[in-house]
Amino acid sequence: MKALIHVTLKPDVLDPQGKAIGAACGSLGYEGIRDVRQGKLFEVELDAADEAAARPLLAELADKLLSNPVIEDYEIVSIEV
């Protein structure tokens, strides 16, 4: 089974890397880019009976290891059997 977990900074946390990317977009001539937020995408392969069994394990992994819950949010984007 394979899952994708997307980790991003919470909306109220300053994102200097995103700001730098946004500024670079303007410098490179890309117009209309209002904001950029950076994040991390984790691809996790695991053994689980089904999605219902995998979801709590993935949530615990994301909460305890893949993200910093003080400043980051995560979303389990997909789980493929």
PDB file of N, CA and C in Angstrom:
ATOM      1  N   MET A   1       0.856  -1.167   0.000  1.00  0.00           N
ATOM      2  CA  MET A   1       0.000   0.000   0.000  1.00  0.00           C
ATOM      3  C   MET A   1       0.904   1.233   0.000  1.00  0.00           C
ATOM      4  N   LYS A   2       0.487   2.270  -0.717  1.00  0.00           N
ATOM      5  CA  LYS A   2       1.269   3.498  -0.792  1.00  0.00           C
ATOM      6  C   LYS A   2       0.393   4.686  -0.414  1.00  0.00           C
ATOM      7  N   ALA A   3       0.966   5.608   0.365  1.00  0.00           N
ATOM      8  CA  ALA A   3       0.226   6.797   0.787  1.00  0.00           C
ATOM      9  C   ALA A   3       1.057   8.047   0.526  1.00  0.00           C
ATOM     10  N   LEU A   4       0.369   9.151   0.298  1.00  0.00           N
ATOM     11  CA  LEU A   4       1.011  10.458   0.162  1.00  0.00           C
ATOM     12  C   LEU A   4       0.544  11.339   1.313  1.00  0.00           C
ATOM     13  N   ILE A   5       1.508  11.970   1.987  1.00  0.00           N
ATOM     14  CA  ILE A   5       1.207  12.873   3.094  1.00  0.00           C
ATOM     15  C   ILE A   5       1.820  14.226   2.769  1.00  0.00           C
ATOM     16  N   HIS A   6       0.997  15.260   2.777  1.00  0.00           N
ATOM     17  CA  HIS A   6       1.433  16.621   2.461  1.00  0.00           C
ATOM     18  C   HIS A   6       1.534  17.402   3.762  1.00  0.00           C
ATOM     19  N   VAL A   7       2.721  17.955   4.025  1.00  0.00           N
ATOM     20  CA  VAL A   7       2.965  18.736   5.237  1.00  0.00           C
ATOM     21  C   VAL A   7       3.223  20.186   4.829  1.00  0.00           C
ATOM     22  N   THR A   8       2.499  21.113   5.447  1.00  0.00           N
ATOM     23  CA  THR A   8       2.677  22.533   5.158  1.00  0.00           C
ATOM     24  C   THR A   8       2.737  23.331   6.452  1.00  0.00           C
ATOM     25  N   LEU A   9       3.315  24.509   6.357  1.00  0.00           N
ATOM     26  CA  LEU A   9       3.306  25.410   7.502  1.00  0.00           C
ATOM     27  C   LEU A   9       1.877  25.873   7.753  1.00  0.00           C
ATOM     28  N   LYS A  10       1.528  26.073   9.013  1.00  0.00           N
ATOM     29  CA  LYS A  10       0.198  26.600   9.349  1.00  0.00           C
ATOM     30  C   LYS A  10       0.049  27.988   8.710  1.00  0.00           C
ATOM     31  N   PRO A  11      -1.160  28.371   8.362  1.00  0.00           N
ATOM     32  CA  PRO A  11      -1.376  29.642   7.661  1.00  0.00           C
ATOM     33  C   PRO A  11      -0.812  30.866   8.376  1.00  0.00           C
ATOM     34  N   ASP A  12      -0.779  30.862   9.708  1.00  0.00           N
ATOM     35  CA  ASP A  12      -0.301  32.034  10.432  1.00  0.00           C
ATOM     36  C   ASP A  12       1.207  32.005  10.700  1.00  0.00           C
ATOM     37  N   VAL A  13       1.919  30.987  10.193  1.00  0.00           N
ATOM     38  CA  VAL A  13       3.370  30.890  10.367  1.00  0.00           C
ATOM     39  C   VAL A  13       4.055  31.500   9.147  1.00  0.00           C
ATOM     40  N   LEU A  14       5.018  32.383   9.404  1.00  0.00           N
ATOM     41  CA  LEU A  14       5.773  33.017   8.327  1.00  0.00           C
ATOM     42  C   LEU A  14       6.493  31.966   7.492  1.00  0.00           C
ATOM     43  N   ASP A  15       6.444  32.119   6.177  1.00  0.00           N
ATOM     44  CA  ASP A  15       7.067  31.177   5.249  1.00  0.00           C
ATOM     45  C   ASP A  15       8.102  31.918   4.397  1.00  0.00           C
ATOM     46  N   PRO A  16       9.332  32.108   4.908  1.00  0.00           N
ATOM     47  CA  PRO A  16      10.333  32.867   4.158  1.00  0.00           C
ATOM     48  C   PRO A  16      10.723  32.216   2.830  1.00  0.00           C
ATOM     49  N   GLN A  17      10.745  30.897   2.771  1.00  0.00           N
ATOM     50  CA  GLN A  17      11.079  30.235   1.516  1.00  0.00           C
ATOM     51  C   GLN A  17       9.982  30.488   0.481  1.00  0.00           C
ATOM     52  N   GLY A  18       8.737  30.421   0.900  1.00  0.00           N
ATOM     53  CA  GLY A  18       7.634  30.715  -0.006  1.00  0.00           C
ATOM     54  C   GLY A  18       7.682  32.147  -0.502  1.00  0.00           C
ATOM     55  N   LYS A  19       8.009  33.088   0.412  1.00  0.00           N
ATOM     56  CA  LYS A  19       8.123  34.498   0.012  1.00  0.00           C
ATOM     57  C   LYS A  19       9.238  34.679  -1.012  1.00  0.00           C
ATOM     58  N   ALA A  20      10.374  34.002  -0.806  1.00  0.00           N
ATOM     59  CA  ALA A  20      11.498  34.109  -1.745  1.00  0.00           C
ATOM     60  C   ALA A  20      11.113  33.546  -3.115  1.00  0.00           C
ATOM     61  N   ILE A  21      10.395  32.438  -3.122  1.00  0.00           N
ATOM     62  CA  ILE A  21       9.942  31.858  -4.386  1.00  0.00           C
ATOM     63  C   ILE A  21       8.962  32.796  -5.073  1.00  0.00           C
ATOM     64  N   GLY A  22       8.050  33.382  -4.304  1.00  0.00           N
ATOM     65  CA  GLY A  22       7.095  34.330  -4.875  1.00  0.00           C
ATOM     66  C   GLY A  22       7.786  35.535  -5.494  1.00  0.00           C
ATOM     67  N   ALA A  23       8.813  36.057  -4.805  1.00  0.00           N
ATOM     68  CA  ALA A  23       9.566  37.190  -5.343  1.00  0.00           C
ATOM     69  C   ALA A  23      10.309  36.791  -6.612  1.00  0.00           C
ATOM     70  N   ALA A  24      10.851  35.576  -6.633  1.00  0.00           N
ATOM     71  CA  ALA A  24      11.565  35.097  -7.820  1.00  0.00           C
ATOM     72  C   ALA A  24      10.616  34.955  -9.006  1.00  0.00           C
ATOM     73  N   CYS A  25       9.379  34.566  -8.754  1.00  0.00           N
ATOM     74  CA  CYS A  25       8.394  34.458  -9.838  1.00  0.00           C
ATOM     75  C   CYS A  25       8.245  35.800 -10.544  1.00  0.00           C
ATOM     76  N   GLY A  26       8.110  36.861  -9.755  1.00  0.00           N
ATOM     77  CA  GLY A  26       7.996  38.195 -10.343  1.00  0.00           C
ATOM     78  C   GLY A  26       9.242  38.585 -11.111  1.00  0.00           C
ATOM     79  N   SER A  27      10.398  38.266 -10.556  1.00  0.00           N
ATOM     80  CA  SER A  27      11.666  38.593 -11.221  1.00  0.00           C
ATOM     81  C   SER A  27      11.825  37.855 -12.543  1.00  0.00           C
ATOM     82  N   LEU A  28      11.241  36.679 -12.641  1.00  0.00           N
ATOM     83  CA  LEU A  28      11.347  35.876 -13.855  1.00  0.00           C
ATOM     84  C   LEU A  28      10.237  36.174 -14.858  1.00  0.00           C
ATOM     85  N   GLY A  29       9.380  37.130 -14.522  1.00  0.00           N
ATOM     86  CA  GLY A  29       8.348  37.548 -15.464  1.00  0.00           C
ATOM     87  C   GLY A  29       7.015  36.829 -15.331  1.00  0.00           C
ATOM     88  N   TYR A  30       6.854  36.012 -14.312  1.00  0.00           N
ATOM     89  CA  TYR A  30       5.571  35.347 -14.110  1.00  0.00           C
ATOM     90  C   TYR A  30       4.642  36.311 -13.381  1.00  0.00           C
ATOM     91  N   GLU A  31       3.584  36.742 -14.069  1.00  0.00           N
ATOM     92  CA  GLU A  31       2.668  37.712 -13.498  1.00  0.00           C
ATOM     93  C   GLU A  31       1.453  37.002 -12.895  1.00  0.00           C
ATOM     94  N   GLY A  32       0.851  37.634 -11.934  1.00  0.00           N
ATOM     95  CA  GLY A  32      -0.368  37.110 -11.347  1.00  0.00           C
ATOM     96  C   GLY A  32      -0.154  36.122 -10.217  1.00  0.00           C
ATOM     97  N   ILE A  33       1.088  35.873  -9.827  1.00  0.00           N
ATOM     98  CA  ILE A  33       1.361  34.987  -8.696  1.00  0.00           C
ATOM     99  C   ILE A  33       1.204  35.821  -7.432  1.00  0.00           C
ATOM    100  N   ARG A  34       0.161  35.576  -6.660  1.00  0.00           N
ATOM    101  CA  ARG A  34      -0.122  36.393  -5.482  1.00  0.00           C
ATOM    102  C   ARG A  34       0.585  35.905  -4.229  1.00  0.00           C
ATOM    103  N   ASP A  35       0.728  34.588  -4.081  1.00  0.00           N
ATOM    104  CA  ASP A  35       1.350  34.054  -2.874  1.00  0.00           C
ATOM    105  C   ASP A  35       1.867  32.655  -3.160  1.00  0.00           C
ATOM    106  N   VAL A  36       2.946  32.287  -2.496  1.00  0.00           N
ATOM    107  CA  VAL A  36       3.502  30.942  -2.603  1.00  0.00           C
ATOM    108  C   VAL A  36       3.768  30.437  -1.192  1.00  0.00           C
ATOM    109  N   ARG A  37       3.334  29.230  -0.902  1.00  0.00           N
ATOM    110  CA  ARG A  37       3.628  28.559   0.369  1.00  0.00           C
ATOM    111  C   ARG A  37       4.333  27.256   0.023  1.00  0.00           C
ATOM    112  N   GLN A  38       5.435  26.979   0.690  1.00  0.00           N
ATOM    113  CA  GLN A  38       6.165  25.754   0.413  1.00  0.00           C
ATOM    114  C   GLN A  38       5.727  24.665   1.382  1.00  0.00           C
ATOM    115  N   GLY A  39       5.975  23.428   0.995  1.00  0.00           N
ATOM    116  CA  GLY A  39       5.625  22.296   1.840  1.00  0.00           C
ATOM    117  C   GLY A  39       6.479  21.094   1.513  1.00  0.00           C
ATOM    118  N   LYS A  40       6.135  19.986   2.134  1.00  0.00           N
ATOM    119  CA  LYS A  40       6.854  18.731   1.912  1.00  0.00           C
ATOM    120  C   LYS A  40       5.831  17.660   1.550  1.00  0.00           C
ATOM    121  N   LEU A  41       6.209  16.782   0.642  1.00  0.00           N
ATOM    122  CA  LEU A  41       5.354  15.665   0.261  1.00  0.00           C
ATOM    123  C   LEU A  41       6.097  14.376   0.578  1.00  0.00           C
ATOM    124  N   PHE A  42       5.480  13.538   1.411  1.00  0.00           N
ATOM    125  CA  PHE A  42       6.077  12.267   1.786  1.00  0.00           C
ATOM    126  C   PHE A  42       5.318  11.138   1.107  1.00  0.00           C
ATOM    127  N   GLU A  43       6.058  10.219   0.501  1.00  0.00           N
ATOM    128  CA  GLU A  43       5.491   9.012  -0.083  1.00  0.00           C
ATOM    129  C   GLU A  43       5.865   7.863   0.854  1.00  0.00           C
ATOM    130  N   VAL A  44       4.872   7.207   1.409  1.00  0.00           N
ATOM    131  CA  VAL A  44       5.093   6.167   2.404  1.00  0.00           C
ATOM    132  C   VAL A  44       4.525   4.851   1.882  1.00  0.00           C
ATOM    133  N   GLU A  45       5.360   3.818   1.862  1.00  0.00           N
ATOM    134  CA  GLU A  45       4.886   2.475   1.533  1.00  0.00           C
ATOM    135  C   GLU A  45       4.737   1.708   2.836  1.00  0.00           C
ATOM    136  N   LEU A  46       3.603   1.046   3.009  1.00  0.00           N
ATOM    137  CA  LEU A  46       3.344   0.347   4.259  1.00  0.00           C
ATOM    138  C   LEU A  46       2.517  -0.893   4.019  1.00  0.00           C
ATOM    139  N   ASP A  47       2.577  -1.787   4.997  1.00  0.00           N
ATOM    140  CA  ASP A  47       1.738  -2.977   4.990  1.00  0.00           C
ATOM    141  C   ASP A  47       0.543  -2.707   5.893  1.00  0.00           C
ATOM    142  N   ALA A  48      -0.629  -2.790   5.327  1.00  0.00           N
ATOM    143  CA  ALA A  48      -1.861  -2.620   6.097  1.00  0.00           C
ATOM    144  C   ALA A  48      -2.956  -3.398   5.385  1.00  0.00           C
ATOM    145  N   ALA A  49      -3.920  -3.866   6.147  1.00  0.00           N
ATOM    146  CA  ALA A  49      -4.999  -4.676   5.585  1.00  0.00           C
ATOM    147  C   ALA A  49      -5.873  -3.884   4.614  1.00  0.00           C
ATOM    148  N   ASP A  50      -6.144  -2.616   4.972  1.00  0.00           N
ATOM    149  CA  ASP A  50      -6.984  -1.770   4.139  1.00  0.00           C
ATOM    150  C   ASP A  50      -6.779  -0.311   4.539  1.00  0.00           C
ATOM    151  N   GLU A  51      -7.486   0.575   3.861  1.00  0.00           N
ATOM    152  CA  GLU A  51      -7.342   2.006   4.135  1.00  0.00           C
ATOM    153  C   GLU A  51      -7.733   2.355   5.575  1.00  0.00           C
ATOM    154  N   ALA A  52      -8.751   1.701   6.088  1.00  0.00           N
ATOM    155  CA  ALA A  52      -9.203   1.974   7.459  1.00  0.00           C
ATOM    156  C   ALA A  52      -8.120   1.627   8.476  1.00  0.00           C
ATOM    157  N   ALA A  53      -7.327   0.619   8.205  1.00  0.00           N
ATOM    158  CA  ALA A  53      -6.231   0.252   9.105  1.00  0.00           C
ATOM    159  C   ALA A  53      -5.029   1.166   8.899  1.00  0.00           C
ATOM    160  N   ALA A  54      -4.820   1.612   7.673  1.00  0.00           N
ATOM    161  CA  ALA A  54      -3.654   2.439   7.354  1.00  0.00           C
ATOM    162  C   ALA A  54      -3.798   3.870   7.866  1.00  0.00           C
ATOM    163  N   ARG A  55      -4.986   4.428   7.793  1.00  0.00           N
ATOM    164  CA  ARG A  55      -5.180   5.851   8.111  1.00  0.00           C
ATOM    165  C   ARG A  55      -4.719   6.241   9.524  1.00  0.00           C
ATOM    166  N   PRO A  56      -5.072   5.502  10.582  1.00  0.00           N
ATOM    167  CA  PRO A  56      -4.599   5.906  11.916  1.00  0.00           C
ATOM    168  C   PRO A  56      -3.079   5.791  12.061  1.00  0.00           C
ATOM    169  N   LEU A  57      -2.484   4.785  11.439  1.00  0.00           N
ATOM    170  CA  LEU A  57      -1.044   4.629  11.477  1.00  0.00           C
ATOM    171  C   LEU A  57      -0.355   5.797  10.777  1.00  0.00           C
ATOM    172  N   LEU A  58      -0.864   6.180   9.616  1.00  0.00           N
ATOM    173  CA  LEU A  58      -0.300   7.307   8.870  1.00  0.00           C
ATOM    174  C   LEU A  58      -0.472   8.618   9.627  1.00  0.00           C
ATOM    175  N   ALA A  59      -1.617   8.804  10.261  1.00  0.00           N
ATOM    176  CA  ALA A  59      -1.857  10.024  11.037  1.00  0.00           C
ATOM    177  C   ALA A  59      -0.879  10.121  12.203  1.00  0.00           C
ATOM    178  N   GLU A  60      -0.643   9.008  12.874  1.00  0.00           N
ATOM    179  CA  GLU A  60       0.308   9.010  13.991  1.00  0.00           C
ATOM    180  C   GLU A  60       1.730   9.283  13.491  1.00  0.00           C
ATOM    181  N   LEU A  61       2.096   8.664  12.382  1.00  0.00           N
ATOM    182  CA  LEU A  61       3.416   8.894  11.787  1.00  0.00           C
ATOM    183  C   LEU A  61       3.590  10.362  11.415  1.00  0.00           C
ATOM    184  N   ALA A  62       2.583  10.948  10.782  1.00  0.00           N
ATOM    185  CA  ALA A  62       2.651  12.353  10.376  1.00  0.00           C
ATOM    186  C   ALA A  62       2.708  13.276  11.581  1.00  0.00           C
ATOM    187  N   ASP A  63       1.932  12.970  12.603  1.00  0.00           N
ATOM    188  CA  ASP A  63       1.864  13.819  13.788  1.00  0.00           C
ATOM    189  C   ASP A  63       3.130  13.748  14.632  1.00  0.00           C
ATOM    190  N   LYS A  64       3.735  12.569  14.737  1.00  0.00           N
ATOM    191  CA  LYS A  64       4.874  12.388  15.632  1.00  0.00           C
ATOM    192  C   LYS A  64       6.238  12.505  14.949  1.00  0.00           C
ATOM    193  N   LEU A  65       6.305  12.267  13.635  1.00  0.00           N
ATOM    194  CA  LEU A  65       7.606  12.212  12.981  1.00  0.00           C
ATOM    195  C   LEU A  65       7.737  13.141  11.775  1.00  0.00           C
ATOM    196  N   LEU A  66       6.735  13.170  10.920  1.00  0.00           N
ATOM    197  CA  LEU A  66       6.863  13.900   9.661  1.00  0.00           C
ATOM    198  C   LEU A  66       6.585  15.389   9.781  1.00  0.00           C
ATOM    199  N   SER A  67       5.859  15.795  10.807  1.00  0.00           N
ATOM    200  CA  SER A  67       5.521  17.208  10.947  1.00  0.00           C
ATOM    201  C   SER A  67       5.826  17.689  12.354  1.00  0.00           C
ATOM    202  N   ASN A  68       5.925  19.001  12.475  1.00  0.00           N
ATOM    203  CA  ASN A  68       6.028  19.647  13.783  1.00  0.00           C
ATOM    204  C   ASN A  68       4.646  20.246  14.052  1.00  0.00           C
ATOM    205  N   PRO A  69       3.839  19.611  14.908  1.00  0.00           N
ATOM    206  CA  PRO A  69       2.451  20.050  15.079  1.00  0.00           C
ATOM    207  C   PRO A  69       2.294  21.466  15.609  1.00  0.00           C
ATOM    208  N   VAL A  70       3.345  22.050  16.144  1.00  0.00           N
ATOM    209  CA  VAL A  70       3.262  23.423  16.637  1.00  0.00           C
ATOM    210  C   VAL A  70       3.160  24.399  15.468  1.00  0.00           C
ATOM    211  N   ILE A  71       3.893  24.135  14.386  1.00  0.00           N
ATOM    212  CA  ILE A  71       3.935  25.088  13.267  1.00  0.00           C
ATOM    213  C   ILE A  71       3.464  24.509  11.935  1.00  0.00           C
ATOM    214  N   GLU A  72       3.178  23.202  11.884  1.00  0.00           N
ATOM    215  CA  GLU A  72       2.823  22.572  10.615  1.00  0.00           C
ATOM    216  C   GLU A  72       1.505  21.811  10.709  1.00  0.00           C
ATOM    217  N   ASP A  73       0.817  21.756   9.578  1.00  0.00           N
ATOM    218  CA  ASP A  73      -0.361  20.925   9.409  1.00  0.00           C
ATOM    219  C   ASP A  73      -0.013  19.810   8.432  1.00  0.00           C
ATOM    220  N   TYR A  74      -0.765  18.734   8.449  1.00  0.00           N
ATOM    221  CA  TYR A  74      -0.558  17.676   7.466  1.00  0.00           C
ATOM    222  C   TYR A  74      -1.903  17.201   6.943  1.00  0.00           C
ATOM    223  N   GLU A  75      -1.837  16.606   5.767  1.00  0.00           N
ATOM    224  CA  GLU A  75      -3.027  16.016   5.156  1.00  0.00           C
ATOM    225  C   GLU A  75      -2.609  14.708   4.506  1.00  0.00           C
ATOM    226  N   ILE A  76      -3.344  13.650   4.777  1.00  0.00           N
ATOM    227  CA  ILE A  76      -3.132  12.394   4.068  1.00  0.00           C
ATOM    228  C   ILE A  76      -3.858  12.546   2.733  1.00  0.00           C
ATOM    229  N   VAL A  77      -3.076  12.747   1.687  1.00  0.00           N
ATOM    230  CA  VAL A  77      -3.630  13.100   0.369  1.00  0.00           C
ATOM    231  C   VAL A  77      -4.253  11.899  -0.308  1.00  0.00           C
ATOM    232  N   SER A  78      -3.570  10.766  -0.265  1.00  0.00           N
ATOM    233  CA  SER A  78      -4.111   9.584  -0.914  1.00  0.00           C
ATOM    234  C   SER A  78      -3.550   8.324  -0.286  1.00  0.00           C
ATOM    235  N   ILE A  79      -4.317   7.259  -0.410  1.00  0.00           N
ATOM    236  CA  ILE A  79      -3.885   5.929   0.002  1.00  0.00           C
ATOM    237  C   ILE A  79      -4.283   4.992  -1.137  1.00  0.00           C
ATOM    238  N   GLU A  80      -3.283   4.327  -1.719  1.00  0.00           N
ATOM    239  CA  GLU A  80      -3.530   3.406  -2.831  1.00  0.00           C
ATOM    240  C   GLU A  80      -3.191   1.995  -2.399  1.00  0.00           C
ATOM    241  N   VAL A  81      -4.061   1.073  -2.739  1.00  0.00           N
ATOM    242  CA  VAL A  81      -3.831  -0.327  -2.389  1.00  0.00           C
ATOM    243  C   VAL A  81      -2.913  -0.954  -3.399  1.00  0.00           C
TER     244      VAL A  81
END
